[in-house]
N, C-alpha and C. Protein backbone atom coordinates (compact mmCIF):
# COMPACT_ATOMS: atom_id res chain seq x y z
N MET A 1 117.68 109.53 67.83
CA MET A 1 117.92 110.69 68.47
C MET A 1 117.04 111.02 68.80
N PRO A 2 117.03 111.65 71.05
CA PRO A 2 115.87 112.17 71.56
C PRO A 2 115.51 113.78 70.75
N ILE A 3 113.75 113.67 71.10
CA ILE A 3 113.79 115.20 70.50
C ILE A 3 113.22 116.06 71.88
N TYR A 4 114.37 117.53 71.95
CA TYR A 4 114.05 118.08 73.05
C TYR A 4 113.10 119.36 72.52
N THR A 5 112.51 119.93 73.52
CA THR A 5 111.45 120.76 74.33
C THR A 5 112.36 122.31 74.61
N PHE A 6 112.07 123.36 73.73
CA PHE A 6 112.74 124.44 74.11
C PHE A 6 111.70 125.56 74.13
N LYS A 7 112.04 126.83 75.11
CA LYS A 7 111.26 127.60 75.06
C LYS A 7 112.30 129.02 74.76
N ASN A 8 111.46 129.97 74.04
CA ASN A 8 112.05 130.74 73.79
C ASN A 8 112.04 131.89 75.10
N LYS A 9 112.30 132.87 75.76
CA LYS A 9 112.26 133.55 76.79
C LYS A 9 111.46 134.76 76.10
N LYS A 10 112.45 135.27 75.23
CA LYS A 10 111.59 136.66 74.54
C LYS A 10 109.93 136.52 74.36
N THR A 11 109.92 135.31 73.01
CA THR A 11 108.68 135.23 72.70
C THR A 11 107.28 134.42 73.58
N GLY A 12 108.11 133.46 74.30
CA GLY A 12 107.41 132.71 75.24
C GLY A 12 106.72 131.30 74.12
N LYS A 13 107.15 130.98 73.06
CA LYS A 13 106.41 130.05 72.24
C LYS A 13 107.92 129.16 72.52
N GLU A 14 107.21 128.16 72.52
CA GLU A 14 107.52 126.72 73.07
C GLU A 14 107.96 126.10 71.80
N PHE A 15 109.00 124.74 71.50
CA PHE A 15 108.75 124.00 70.13
C PHE A 15 109.72 123.04 70.47
N ASP A 16 110.03 121.97 69.54
CA ASP A 16 110.57 120.61 69.37
C ASP A 16 111.27 120.33 68.58
N ASP A 17 112.82 120.00 68.85
CA ASP A 17 113.40 120.13 68.13
C ASP A 17 114.62 118.61 68.12
N MET A 18 114.85 117.80 66.92
CA MET A 18 115.78 116.27 66.97
C MET A 18 117.08 117.34 66.99
N MET A 19 117.92 116.62 68.08
CA MET A 19 119.26 117.04 67.95
C MET A 19 119.93 115.98 69.40
N SER A 20 121.55 115.64 69.12
CA SER A 20 122.05 114.99 69.84
C SER A 20 122.40 115.91 71.11
N ILE A 21 122.60 115.24 72.33
CA ILE A 21 123.05 115.78 73.56
C ILE A 21 124.27 117.13 73.58
N ALA A 22 125.38 116.73 72.91
CA ALA A 22 126.40 117.29 72.38
C ALA A 22 125.54 118.58 71.73
N GLU A 23 124.78 118.38 71.03
CA GLU A 23 124.06 119.55 69.68
C GLU A 23 123.45 120.43 70.74
N MET A 24 122.70 120.14 71.54
CA MET A 24 121.90 120.55 72.55
C MET A 24 122.47 121.45 73.35
N GLU A 25 123.74 120.73 74.22
CA GLU A 25 124.34 121.55 74.85
C GLU A 25 124.63 122.75 74.20
N GLU A 26 125.17 122.77 72.76
CA GLU A 26 125.93 123.61 72.28
C GLU A 26 124.87 124.98 71.64
N TYR A 27 123.79 124.09 71.04
CA TYR A 27 122.74 125.21 70.58
C TYR A 27 122.18 126.16 71.94
N LEU A 28 122.24 125.43 73.45
CA LEU A 28 121.86 126.49 74.32
C LEU A 28 122.57 127.45 74.78
N ASP A 29 123.85 126.94 74.65
CA ASP A 29 125.07 128.06 74.73
C ASP A 29 125.39 128.97 74.16
N LYS A 30 125.05 128.37 72.58
CA LYS A 30 124.72 130.16 71.82
C LYS A 30 123.89 130.67 72.21
N ASN A 31 123.20 130.38 71.98
CA ASN A 31 121.45 131.04 72.19
C ASN A 31 121.22 131.13 73.98
N LYS A 32 121.10 132.47 74.45
CA LYS A 32 120.87 132.25 75.84
C LYS A 32 119.55 132.68 76.42
N HIS A 33 118.81 133.38 74.90
CA HIS A 33 117.78 133.24 75.43
C HIS A 33 116.60 132.12 75.26
N ILE A 34 116.92 131.05 74.88
CA ILE A 34 116.47 129.85 75.02
C ILE A 34 116.47 129.02 76.03
N THR A 35 115.70 128.34 76.93
CA THR A 35 115.91 127.59 77.93
C THR A 35 114.61 126.03 77.52
N GLN A 36 115.81 124.94 77.52
CA GLN A 36 115.28 123.57 77.45
C GLN A 36 113.71 123.46 78.86
N VAL A 37 112.65 122.92 78.27
CA VAL A 37 111.78 122.39 78.90
C VAL A 37 111.19 121.42 79.40
N ILE A 38 111.89 120.75 80.78
CA ILE A 38 111.64 119.51 80.88
C ILE A 38 110.37 118.89 80.90
N LYS A 39 109.72 117.89 80.51
CA LYS A 39 108.72 117.39 80.24
C LYS A 39 108.43 116.37 80.71
N GLY A 40 107.01 115.29 80.84
CA GLY A 40 107.37 113.92 81.53
C GLY A 40 107.72 113.17 80.28
N LEU A 41 108.20 111.97 80.95
CA LEU A 41 108.30 110.72 79.88
C LEU A 41 107.01 110.60 79.29
N ASN A 42 106.90 109.54 77.99
CA ASN A 42 106.30 108.86 77.82
C ASN A 42 106.54 107.66 78.16
N ILE A 43 105.74 106.68 78.60
CA ILE A 43 106.11 105.58 79.23
C ILE A 43 105.23 104.73 78.69
N VAL A 44 105.45 103.61 77.75
CA VAL A 44 104.42 102.71 77.55
C VAL A 44 104.46 101.56 78.39
N SER A 45 103.69 100.71 78.74
CA SER A 45 103.19 99.67 79.81
C SER A 45 102.42 98.72 79.18
N GLY A 46 102.77 97.86 79.61
CA GLY A 46 101.76 96.24 78.85
C GLY A 46 100.45 96.38 79.72
N VAL A 47 99.72 96.00 78.92
CA VAL A 47 98.06 95.81 79.46
C VAL A 47 97.96 94.00 78.73
N GLY A 48 97.48 94.02 79.75
CA GLY A 48 96.51 92.43 79.47
C GLY A 48 98.01 91.23 79.66
N SER A 49 97.64 90.04 79.15
CA SER A 49 98.64 89.31 79.66
C SER A 49 99.60 88.74 77.92
N ILE A 50 100.49 87.75 78.42
CA ILE A 50 101.44 87.64 77.19
C ILE A 50 101.02 86.58 76.11
N LYS A 51 100.24 86.48 75.09
CA LYS A 51 100.10 85.59 74.29
C LYS A 51 101.20 84.32 74.09
N GLN A 52 100.79 83.64 74.58
CA GLN A 52 101.97 82.36 74.64
C GLN A 52 101.38 81.16 73.37
N ASP A 53 102.64 80.64 72.58
CA ASP A 53 102.35 80.23 71.38
C ASP A 53 103.14 78.63 71.76
N SER A 54 102.82 77.73 71.27
CA SER A 54 102.69 75.94 71.57
C SER A 54 104.32 75.82 71.58
N GLY A 55 105.65 77.30 70.94
CA GLY A 55 107.01 77.17 71.17
C GLY A 55 107.12 77.16 72.56
N TRP A 56 106.73 78.85 72.85
CA TRP A 56 107.16 79.12 74.01
C TRP A 56 106.68 78.26 75.17
N LYS A 57 105.46 77.17 75.29
CA LYS A 57 104.59 76.54 76.26
C LYS A 57 105.83 75.18 76.22
N ASP A 58 105.89 74.30 75.37
CA ASP A 58 106.90 73.53 75.49
C ASP A 58 108.33 73.68 76.14
N ASN A 59 108.98 74.82 75.49
CA ASN A 59 109.87 75.66 76.26
C ASN A 59 110.04 75.26 77.76
N LEU A 60 108.26 75.91 78.20
CA LEU A 60 108.34 76.31 79.41
C LEU A 60 108.08 74.66 80.27
N SER A 61 108.07 73.78 79.39
CA SER A 61 107.88 72.36 79.65
C SER A 61 108.96 71.15 80.40
N ARG A 62 109.65 71.77 78.90
CA ARG A 62 111.22 71.32 79.33
C ARG A 62 111.73 71.98 80.48
N ILE A 63 111.70 72.76 80.53
CA ILE A 63 112.44 73.81 81.74
C ILE A 63 112.00 72.77 83.47
N ALA A 64 109.96 72.87 83.25
CA ALA A 64 109.62 72.09 84.33
C ALA A 64 110.19 71.26 84.69
N GLU A 65 110.86 69.88 84.14
CA GLU A 65 111.08 68.58 84.23
C GLU A 65 112.25 68.35 84.45
N ALA A 66 113.33 69.81 84.12
CA ALA A 66 114.66 69.93 84.61
C ALA A 66 114.49 70.21 85.49
N HIS A 67 113.77 71.04 86.42
CA HIS A 67 113.67 71.32 87.93
C HIS A 67 111.92 70.91 88.30
N PRO A 68 111.71 69.40 88.87
CA PRO A 68 110.61 69.14 88.90
C PRO A 68 110.13 69.09 90.61
N GLN A 69 110.77 70.05 91.34
CA GLN A 69 110.37 70.75 92.53
C GLN A 69 109.86 72.31 92.60
N SER A 70 110.10 72.46 91.81
CA SER A 70 109.72 74.04 91.37
C SER A 70 108.41 74.07 90.86
N ALA A 71 107.90 75.72 91.25
CA ALA A 71 106.45 76.09 91.08
C ALA A 71 106.48 75.92 89.53
N LEU A 72 107.15 76.21 88.52
CA LEU A 72 106.95 75.67 87.11
C LEU A 72 106.59 74.73 86.74
N ALA A 73 107.39 73.94 87.85
CA ALA A 73 106.82 72.53 87.41
C ALA A 73 105.19 72.10 87.84
N GLU A 74 105.12 72.62 89.13
CA GLU A 74 103.55 72.46 89.69
C GLU A 74 102.45 72.53 88.21
N ARG A 75 102.95 74.38 87.33
CA ARG A 75 102.27 74.84 87.08
C ARG A 75 102.24 73.66 85.29
N TYR A 76 103.79 73.90 84.64
CA TYR A 76 103.29 73.43 83.14
C TYR A 76 104.39 72.44 83.26
N GLY A 77 104.89 71.53 84.02
CA GLY A 77 105.35 70.17 84.19
C GLY A 77 104.18 69.32 83.53
N LYS A 78 104.71 67.45 83.34
CA LYS A 78 103.68 67.02 82.54
C LYS A 78 103.71 65.86 83.98
N LYS A 79 102.38 65.82 84.21
CA LYS A 79 101.82 64.56 85.04
C LYS A 79 101.38 63.35 84.80
N ASP A 80 102.06 62.48 85.67
CA ASP A 80 100.96 61.07 85.43
C ASP A 80 101.08 60.77 86.82
N ILE A 81 99.96 59.57 86.78
CA ILE A 81 99.20 59.51 88.36
C ILE A 81 100.56 59.46 89.49
N LYS A 82 101.49 58.47 88.70
CA LYS A 82 102.36 58.14 89.81
C LYS A 82 102.97 59.43 90.74
N LYS A 83 103.70 60.58 89.68
CA LYS A 83 103.76 61.62 90.22
C LYS A 83 102.75 62.38 90.75
N ILE A 84 101.77 62.88 90.38
CA ILE A 84 100.55 62.85 91.36
C ILE A 84 100.36 62.68 92.67
N LYS A 85 100.27 61.51 92.78
CA LYS A 85 99.98 60.63 94.36
C LYS A 85 101.48 61.00 94.88
N THR A 86 102.57 61.05 94.29
CA THR A 86 103.66 60.57 95.01
C THR A 86 103.55 62.56 95.81
N GLN A 87 103.58 63.53 95.10
CA GLN A 87 103.39 64.63 95.60
C GLN A 87 102.35 64.65 96.76
N GLN A 88 100.68 64.36 96.53
CA GLN A 88 99.65 63.99 97.70
C GLN A 88 100.55 63.20 98.78
N ALA A 89 100.79 62.24 98.36
CA ALA A 89 102.13 61.59 99.84
C ALA A 89 102.85 62.57 100.26
N LEU A 90 103.31 63.37 99.63
CA LEU A 90 104.24 64.35 100.60
C LEU A 90 103.90 65.34 101.19
N SER A 91 103.05 66.11 100.90
CA SER A 91 102.09 66.74 100.99
C SER A 91 101.28 66.71 101.97
N LYS A 92 100.87 65.12 102.15
CA LYS A 92 100.24 64.27 103.78
C LYS A 92 100.85 64.70 104.83
N ASN A 93 102.23 63.90 103.99
CA ASN A 93 103.21 63.62 105.95
C ASN A 93 104.14 64.88 105.78
N LYS A 94 104.27 65.82 104.91
CA LYS A 94 104.68 66.99 106.06
C LYS A 94 103.70 67.83 106.57
N ARG A 95 102.13 68.14 106.40
CA ARG A 95 101.45 68.27 107.39
C ARG A 95 101.08 67.53 108.42
N ARG A 96 101.53 66.21 108.16
CA ARG A 96 100.92 65.72 109.23
C ARG A 96 103.04 65.84 110.43
N LEU A 97 103.19 66.11 109.80
CA LEU A 97 104.73 66.24 110.28
C LEU A 97 104.45 67.72 111.14
N ARG A 98 104.32 68.76 110.64
CA ARG A 98 104.29 70.03 110.99
C ARG A 98 103.41 69.92 112.06
N GLY A 99 102.07 69.29 112.14
CA GLY A 99 101.34 69.09 113.37
C GLY A 99 101.90 68.26 114.74
N LYS A 100 102.83 67.67 114.50
CA LYS A 100 103.28 67.42 115.49
C LYS A 100 104.29 67.79 116.40
N LYS A 101 104.52 68.94 116.09
CA LYS A 101 105.44 69.97 116.60
C LYS A 101 104.88 70.82 117.28
């Protein structure tokens, strides 16, 4: 259940209370001298990078093998000499063909 902040109009005091939305609406209807105070949200964001264990890296490697032309394959895929030389030849020919246009 959410925590709501209320303000007593007569005394000027603010207080917090935990209740459901329906309870909060009923409470405000019964107590006309109390208003809800809207405050900023408490948002927690991540800082830093995600720690990757070997299981996650194995999963990324499997996905990279299934999609050899993806960026994920370039980063996490298994690389043997044949694949590296093939990729270099493809890149060289792409650059050469772009230069002719």
